[in-house]
Amino acid sequence: MDGTRATSDDFFDRALLEEAVKKSGLLWVRADGAAERRPLWHAWHDGAVVVVGDAGEQPLHGLTAGAGAEVALRSKDKGGRLVSFPVQVVATEPHSEAWSGAVEELKGKRLNAPDTDTIGERWARECRVLRLEPVGPLTEQPGSMPQHSHAAAPMPSSATTRRPIPAGLPKLVLGRLKRRG
């Protein structure tokens, strides 16, 4: 009975993982040894998450073939964390069967590509296409989420926050509205 229960749970966990990956536009990946998660656009192909990056595409910080990583996905409807799982990073050789299948899936997800007709050739020359293959059980899922906060400090940026509006601005705007109406 316990073996059947584990198999049933594994089946539902795998279905949840696959459905969450397919519906999500972004996933959050933390390479082994990295301090923070990074967002990546992706596709699902042949039982694994596939990503393309480097050289003009998204940066694949710390993702190296043979290493591990952790992937987190959010819920499409609520926006909160839905599932997390460990993965093994596997590199694909350009023009191999695995690479070609991954590139076909990724092409459809790549928005605003400057070279849609020759994007596969550019990716073969300049980029890495990686498979993030799920290994082991889900680490977070509905009903077994950690109780601590996942809040993190924002990444460094040159962006600034808005300064307070000038004191006379509301009077100026309201004055214009009164003159019109």
Protein backbone atom coordinates (compact mmCIF):
# COMPACT_ATOMS: atom_id res chain seq x y z
CA MET A 1 0.00 0.00 0.00
CA ASP A 2 2.83 2.43 0.85
CA GLY A 3 4.49 1.78 -2.52
CA THR A 4 1.24 2.59 -4.33
CA ARG A 5 0.82 5.78 -2.28
CA ALA A 6 4.36 6.94 -3.08
CA THR A 7 3.86 6.24 -6.78
CA SER A 8 0.55 8.11 -6.77
CA ASP A 9 2.16 11.08 -4.99
CA ASP A 10 5.08 11.03 -7.42
CA PHE A 11 2.66 11.05 -10.36
CA PHE A 12 0.70 14.03 -8.98
CA ASP A 13 3.89 15.90 -8.04
CA ARG A 14 5.24 15.42 -11.56
CA ALA A 15 1.93 16.56 -13.06
CA LEU A 16 1.92 19.68 -10.84
CA LEU A 17 5.53 20.46 -11.76
CA GLU A 18 4.93 20.02 -15.49
CA GLU A 19 1.71 22.05 -15.53
CA ALA A 20 3.26 24.86 -13.47
CA VAL A 21 6.26 25.07 -15.82
CA LYS A 22 4.08 25.10 -18.94
CA LYS A 23 1.79 27.86 -17.63
CA SER A 24 4.50 30.08 -16.17
CA GLY A 25 6.16 32.78 -18.26
CA LEU A 26 9.13 33.03 -15.89
CA LEU A 27 10.81 30.74 -13.47
CA TRP A 28 13.27 31.62 -10.73
CA VAL A 29 16.53 29.68 -10.69
CA ARG A 30 19.24 29.58 -8.05
CA ALA A 31 22.41 27.80 -9.13
CA ASP A 32 24.17 25.73 -6.47
CA GLY A 33 26.27 28.09 -4.39
CA ALA A 34 24.48 31.23 -5.59
CA ALA A 35 22.98 33.64 -3.07
CA GLU A 36 19.87 34.66 -5.00
CA ARG A 37 17.40 33.40 -7.54
CA ARG A 38 17.40 34.84 -11.05
CA PRO A 39 14.39 35.03 -13.38
CA LEU A 40 14.58 33.14 -16.68
CA TRP A 41 12.13 32.71 -19.54
CA HIS A 42 11.92 29.11 -20.61
CA ALA A 43 10.02 26.31 -22.32
CA TRP A 44 9.13 22.74 -21.38
CA HIS A 45 10.49 20.07 -23.69
CA ASP A 46 10.88 16.33 -23.38
CA GLY A 47 10.52 16.16 -19.59
CA ALA A 48 12.76 19.12 -18.70
CA VAL A 49 12.85 22.88 -18.54
CA VAL A 50 14.92 24.31 -21.40
CA VAL A 51 16.54 27.75 -21.36
CA VAL A 52 18.76 29.68 -23.73
CA GLY A 53 21.14 32.39 -22.66
CA ASP A 54 24.38 34.35 -22.75
CA ALA A 55 25.66 36.46 -25.66
CA GLY A 56 22.74 38.81 -26.19
CA GLU A 57 20.09 36.62 -24.59
CA GLN A 58 19.29 36.27 -20.89
CA PRO A 59 22.27 35.76 -18.53
CA LEU A 60 22.61 32.22 -17.17
CA HIS A 61 24.43 33.19 -13.97
CA GLY A 62 26.20 30.19 -12.45
CA LEU A 63 24.36 27.54 -14.45
CA THR A 64 26.99 25.07 -15.60
CA ALA A 65 26.67 21.60 -17.07
CA GLY A 66 26.77 18.89 -14.44
CA ALA A 67 25.91 21.25 -11.59
CA GLY A 68 22.67 21.42 -9.69
CA ALA A 69 20.19 24.23 -9.19
CA GLU A 70 16.81 24.90 -7.64
CA VAL A 71 13.82 26.14 -9.62
CA ALA A 72 10.86 28.00 -8.11
CA LEU A 73 7.61 28.72 -9.93
CA ARG A 74 4.75 31.02 -9.01
CA SER A 75 1.06 30.41 -9.34
CA LYS A 76 -0.41 31.90 -12.50
CA ASP A 77 -3.62 33.03 -10.79
CA LYS A 78 -2.44 34.15 -7.33
CA GLY A 79 1.15 35.12 -8.09
CA GLY A 80 2.54 33.39 -4.99
CA ARG A 81 5.11 30.63 -4.89
CA LEU A 82 3.55 27.38 -6.06
CA VAL A 83 6.29 24.80 -6.35
CA SER A 84 10.08 24.43 -6.01
CA PHE A 85 12.21 21.53 -7.15
CA PRO A 86 15.88 20.56 -7.61
CA VAL A 87 17.30 20.18 -11.11
CA GLN A 88 20.42 18.88 -12.77
CA VAL A 89 21.88 21.21 -15.43
CA VAL A 90 22.62 19.46 -18.72
CA ALA A 91 24.22 21.20 -21.71
CA THR A 92 23.00 20.39 -25.20
CA GLU A 93 25.31 20.22 -28.20
CA PRO A 94 24.33 22.57 -31.03
CA HIS A 95 22.37 20.82 -33.79
CA SER A 96 21.97 17.60 -31.77
CA GLU A 97 18.50 16.07 -31.53
CA ALA A 98 17.97 17.39 -27.98
CA TRP A 99 19.22 20.85 -28.97
CA SER A 100 17.01 21.05 -32.06
CA GLY A 101 13.88 20.06 -30.13
CA ALA A 102 14.66 22.55 -27.36
CA VAL A 103 15.32 25.36 -29.86
CA GLU A 104 12.00 24.72 -31.62
CA GLU A 105 10.16 25.09 -28.30
CA LEU A 106 12.18 28.15 -27.26
CA LYS A 107 11.65 29.96 -30.58
CA GLY A 108 7.94 30.18 -29.87
CA LYS A 109 8.58 31.69 -26.44
CA ARG A 110 11.19 34.25 -27.54
CA LEU A 111 9.49 37.62 -27.78
CA ASN A 112 10.78 40.45 -29.96
CA ALA A 113 13.76 38.57 -31.35
CA PRO A 114 15.79 40.76 -33.74
CA ASP A 115 16.39 37.81 -36.08
CA THR A 116 13.42 35.45 -35.96
CA ASP A 117 14.33 33.72 -39.23
CA THR A 118 17.91 32.88 -38.23
CA ILE A 119 17.61 32.75 -34.46
CA GLY A 120 18.57 29.06 -34.27
CA GLU A 121 21.80 29.68 -36.15
CA ARG A 122 22.68 32.58 -33.85
CA TRP A 123 21.94 30.50 -30.76
CA ALA A 124 24.18 27.71 -32.11
CA ARG A 125 27.06 30.17 -32.62
CA GLU A 126 26.76 32.43 -29.58
CA CYS A 127 24.51 30.99 -26.87
CA ARG A 128 24.08 28.03 -24.59
CA VAL A 129 20.91 25.94 -24.58
CA LEU A 130 20.55 24.12 -21.27
CA ARG A 131 18.17 21.46 -20.00
CA LEU A 132 17.17 21.73 -16.35
CA GLU A 133 16.16 18.16 -15.58
CA PRO A 134 14.09 17.65 -12.41
CA VAL A 135 15.73 15.33 -9.89
CA GLY A 136 14.30 14.18 -6.59
CA PRO A 137 11.04 15.19 -4.93
CA LEU A 138 9.47 18.64 -4.87
CA THR A 139 10.99 20.77 -2.10
CA GLU A 140 8.00 23.13 -1.85
CA GLN A 141 4.41 22.58 -2.91
CA PRO A 142 0.90 23.43 -1.76
CA GLY A 143 0.47 22.12 1.77
CA SER A 144 4.20 22.02 2.55
CA MET A 145 5.49 25.56 2.25
CA PRO A 146 8.06 26.96 4.68
CA GLN A 147 6.80 29.35 7.35
CA HIS A 148 9.67 31.85 7.07
CA SER A 149 9.63 34.84 4.76
CA HIS A 150 11.37 34.64 1.40
CA ALA A 151 11.72 38.41 1.21
CA ALA A 152 15.08 39.56 -0.12
CA ALA A 153 16.76 42.90 -0.56
CA PRO A 154 16.40 44.27 -4.09
CA MET A 155 19.32 43.76 -6.44
CA PRO A 156 21.58 46.80 -6.86
CA SER A 157 20.29 49.20 -9.49
CA SER A 158 20.83 52.74 -10.72
CA ALA A 159 17.07 53.32 -10.59
CA THR A 160 15.79 55.83 -8.04
CA THR A 161 12.55 56.26 -6.18
CA ARG A 162 10.22 59.16 -6.80
CA ARG A 163 10.89 62.27 -4.84
CA PRO A 164 8.03 64.04 -3.03
CA ILE A 165 5.90 66.15 -5.33
CA PRO A 166 6.47 69.92 -5.14
CA ALA A 167 4.18 71.61 -2.63
CA GLY A 168 2.58 73.90 -5.22
CA LEU A 169 1.77 71.16 -7.76
CA PRO A 170 -1.65 70.12 -6.40
CA LYS A 171 -2.76 73.79 -6.32
CA LEU A 172 -1.52 74.28 -9.89
CA VAL A 173 -3.32 71.17 -11.19
CA LEU A 174 -6.54 71.91 -9.33
CA GLY A 175 -6.45 75.52 -10.55
CA ARG A 176 -6.29 74.33 -14.18
CA LEU A 177 -9.19 71.96 -13.61
CA LYS A 178 -11.33 74.75 -12.11
CA ARG A 179 -10.58 77.06 -15.06
CA ARG A 180 -11.65 74.36 -17.57
CA GLY A 181 -14.79 73.27 -15.75
